[in-house]
Amino acid sequence: MSHAPLDRPRSRGFHEPMGATVIVVVVRSGEGGDRRDDGADELIPVGLGRAVRFVRRSDVRYAEAQGDYARLYTQAGSHLVRVSLAALEEAWGDAGFVRIHRSHLVSLAHVDEMVVESGRCTLRVGGARLTVSRRNTGALRDRLVRGVLPGASRNTRAPRGARDPRGARALPSP
């Protein structure tokens, strides 16, 4: 049995894992030397054949886990990137992305509809229907229905005539 000499680096084979590297490019929306992070939006490099295309984080509607990869869904289509959903959740949590299921991370800004039927919760994001796990339903409902979105007050009341998940009318706040 022959082994590669120690002084020569081994080339990576297809079956050997590569180190996961997340490259993030931050685009600032201010003029000149404005260094505030308020208007910052990340660009995510995605491979497209031999080219690299950049997708803005704000354009990502949701991400779906696919093994060690994540598929990012935008209005224009989907892109496979080599980063775990857990890494995206940690990096994008402050930007309004929420884990709704072990396989989905959703941008709250892109949620069109939330339906709770027979104790099961689904979200409509663009044209997709995504199932919310029972474990995450309560916290998600709190963030969406009770107005805990970024920039909203914690004391925001539910809209007039809103229904809770059991079908009963929401009680007005005291």
Protein backbone atom coordinates (compact mmCIF):
# COMPACT_ATOMS: atom_id res chain seq x y z
CA MET A 1 0.00 0.00 0.00
CA SER A 2 1.56 3.29 -1.07
CA HIS A 3 0.95 6.59 0.67
CA ALA A 4 1.41 10.11 -0.65
CA PRO A 5 4.70 11.64 0.44
CA LEU A 6 4.33 14.00 3.39
CA ASP A 7 6.06 16.90 1.65
CA ARG A 8 3.59 16.94 -1.27
CA PRO A 9 0.09 18.30 -0.55
CA ARG A 10 -2.70 15.90 -1.43
CA SER A 11 -5.31 17.13 -3.88
CA ARG A 12 -8.86 16.99 -2.64
CA GLY A 13 -10.93 14.17 -4.00
CA PHE A 14 -14.61 14.47 -4.77
CA HIS A 15 -15.52 12.46 -1.67
CA GLU A 16 -13.50 14.61 0.73
CA PRO A 17 -15.36 17.44 2.49
CA MET A 18 -14.28 20.98 1.73
CA GLY A 19 -14.18 23.60 4.45
CA ALA A 20 -17.38 25.65 4.39
CA THR A 21 -16.62 29.27 3.65
CA VAL A 22 -19.27 31.96 3.60
CA ILE A 23 -18.34 35.01 1.58
CA VAL A 24 -20.37 38.08 2.38
CA VAL A 25 -20.20 41.37 0.53
CA VAL A 26 -21.86 44.30 2.29
CA VAL A 27 -23.40 47.02 0.15
CA ARG A 28 -24.06 50.32 1.86
CA SER A 29 -26.88 52.52 0.66
CA GLY A 30 -25.32 55.81 1.75
CA GLU A 31 -23.19 58.24 -0.23
CA GLY A 32 -19.50 58.78 0.41
CA GLY A 33 -18.17 57.74 3.79
CA ASP A 34 -21.48 56.75 5.37
CA ARG A 35 -20.54 53.76 7.55
CA ARG A 36 -23.87 53.06 9.25
CA ASP A 37 -25.23 49.51 9.01
CA ASP A 38 -28.86 50.72 8.78
CA GLY A 39 -28.97 50.43 4.99
CA ALA A 40 -26.55 47.53 4.66
CA ASP A 41 -27.58 44.63 2.47
CA GLU A 42 -25.46 41.55 1.91
CA LEU A 43 -24.60 40.15 -1.49
CA ILE A 44 -24.39 36.37 -1.62
CA PRO A 45 -22.19 34.90 -4.36
CA VAL A 46 -23.88 32.02 -6.17
CA GLY A 47 -22.33 29.87 -8.84
CA LEU A 48 -24.05 29.96 -12.21
CA GLY A 49 -22.08 27.70 -14.54
CA ARG A 50 -18.63 29.27 -14.81
CA ALA A 51 -19.86 32.67 -13.66
CA VAL A 52 -20.57 33.98 -10.18
CA ARG A 53 -23.78 35.93 -9.71
CA PHE A 54 -24.53 38.05 -6.66
CA VAL A 55 -27.94 37.86 -4.97
CA ARG A 56 -29.02 40.49 -2.46
CA ARG A 57 -30.10 39.17 0.93
CA SER A 58 -33.16 41.45 0.77
CA ASP A 59 -34.27 39.60 -2.41
CA VAL A 60 -34.20 36.20 -0.69
CA ARG A 61 -37.75 35.14 0.23
CA TYR A 62 -36.81 31.92 2.00
CA ALA A 63 -34.07 29.33 2.23
CA GLU A 64 -34.47 25.57 2.23
CA ALA A 65 -31.96 23.10 3.68
CA GLN A 66 -30.52 20.55 1.28
CA GLY A 67 -27.93 18.61 3.22
CA ASP A 68 -24.84 20.76 3.78
CA TYR A 69 -26.21 23.28 1.27
CA ALA A 70 -29.05 25.79 1.29
CA ARG A 71 -31.26 26.68 -1.65
CA LEU A 72 -32.11 30.39 -1.69
CA TYR A 73 -35.45 31.30 -3.28
CA THR A 74 -35.93 34.73 -4.86
CA GLN A 75 -38.53 36.12 -7.24
CA ALA A 76 -36.13 35.40 -10.12
CA GLY A 77 -35.55 31.73 -9.19
CA SER A 78 -33.52 29.59 -6.82
CA HIS A 79 -29.80 29.30 -6.14
CA LEU A 80 -27.87 26.56 -4.36
CA VAL A 81 -25.13 27.80 -2.02
CA ARG A 82 -22.69 25.87 0.13
CA VAL A 83 -23.71 27.05 3.57
CA SER A 84 -25.86 25.39 6.21
CA LEU A 85 -29.28 26.68 7.19
CA ALA A 86 -28.03 27.01 10.77
CA ALA A 87 -25.24 29.36 9.63
CA LEU A 88 -27.73 31.45 7.63
CA GLU A 89 -30.10 31.59 10.61
CA GLU A 90 -27.34 32.89 12.86
CA ALA A 91 -26.06 35.42 10.31
CA TRP A 92 -29.47 36.66 9.11
CA GLY A 93 -31.56 36.56 12.29
CA ASP A 94 -31.17 40.30 12.87
CA ALA A 95 -32.24 40.98 9.27
CA GLY A 96 -35.72 39.51 9.84
CA PHE A 97 -35.15 35.86 8.91
CA VAL A 98 -36.88 33.29 11.14
CA ARG A 99 -36.57 29.52 11.33
CA ILE A 100 -40.05 28.08 10.77
CA HIS A 101 -39.07 24.44 10.38
CA ARG A 102 -35.89 22.42 10.54
CA SER A 103 -35.68 22.74 6.76
CA HIS A 104 -36.88 26.33 6.19
CA LEU A 105 -35.73 29.85 7.04
CA VAL A 106 -38.13 32.64 6.00
CA SER A 107 -37.79 36.39 5.51
CA LEU A 108 -40.64 37.97 7.47
CA ALA A 109 -40.69 40.86 4.98
CA HIS A 110 -41.76 38.45 2.23
CA VAL A 111 -44.54 36.60 4.10
CA ASP A 112 -47.83 37.19 2.25
CA GLU A 113 -50.19 35.11 4.36
CA MET A 114 -50.32 32.96 7.48
CA VAL A 115 -53.01 30.27 7.75
CA VAL A 116 -53.73 28.29 10.90
CA GLU A 117 -56.11 25.43 10.26
CA SER A 118 -56.81 22.52 12.61
CA GLY A 119 -53.75 23.42 14.66
CA ARG A 120 -51.41 23.37 11.63
CA CYS A 121 -49.77 26.57 10.45
CA THR A 122 -48.65 27.36 6.89
CA LEU A 123 -47.14 30.47 5.33
CA ARG A 124 -47.55 31.73 1.80
CA VAL A 125 -44.31 33.28 0.59
CA GLY A 126 -44.55 34.30 -3.05
CA GLY A 127 -46.20 31.33 -4.73
CA ALA A 128 -44.93 28.77 -2.20
CA ARG A 129 -46.78 27.30 0.78
CA LEU A 130 -44.43 26.43 3.65
CA THR A 131 -45.36 24.38 6.69
CA VAL A 132 -44.45 25.80 10.10
CA SER A 133 -43.45 23.27 12.74
CA ARG A 134 -45.67 23.07 15.82
CA ARG A 135 -42.69 24.08 17.96
CA ASN A 136 -42.22 27.34 16.01
CA THR A 137 -45.88 28.26 15.43
CA GLY A 138 -46.43 30.24 18.67
CA ALA A 139 -43.35 32.44 18.34
CA LEU A 140 -44.00 33.06 14.65
CA ARG A 141 -47.61 34.03 15.33
CA ASP A 142 -46.41 36.42 18.02
CA ARG A 143 -43.99 38.10 15.61
CA LEU A 144 -46.40 38.36 12.68
CA VAL A 145 -49.84 38.90 14.20
CA ARG A 146 -48.92 40.83 17.32
CA GLY A 147 -46.71 43.28 15.42
CA VAL A 148 -43.26 42.45 16.72
CA LEU A 149 -41.75 43.02 13.30
CA PRO A 150 -38.66 45.23 13.23
CA GLY A 151 -39.70 48.85 13.73
CA ALA A 152 -43.12 48.01 15.23
CA SER A 153 -44.10 48.67 18.80
CA ARG A 154 -44.50 45.75 21.20
CA ASN A 155 -47.90 47.14 22.24
CA THR A 156 -49.35 47.04 18.73
CA ARG A 157 -52.91 45.71 18.74
CA ALA A 158 -54.19 43.09 16.33
CA PRO A 159 -56.14 44.57 13.40
CA ARG A 160 -59.86 45.14 13.98
CA GLY A 161 -61.78 41.93 13.33
CA ALA A 162 -58.66 39.75 13.40
CA ARG A 163 -59.18 36.16 14.47
CA ASP A 164 -56.99 34.07 16.65
CA PRO A 165 -55.92 30.62 15.37
CA ARG A 166 -58.93 28.90 16.95
CA GLY A 167 -61.35 31.05 14.93
CA ALA A 168 -62.48 33.28 17.81
CA ARG A 169 -62.42 37.04 17.42
CA ALA A 170 -59.42 38.74 19.01
CA LEU A 171 -60.21 40.64 22.18
CA PRO A 172 -59.42 44.35 22.14
CA SER A 173 -56.43 45.44 24.18
CA PRO A 174 -57.28 47.11 27.51
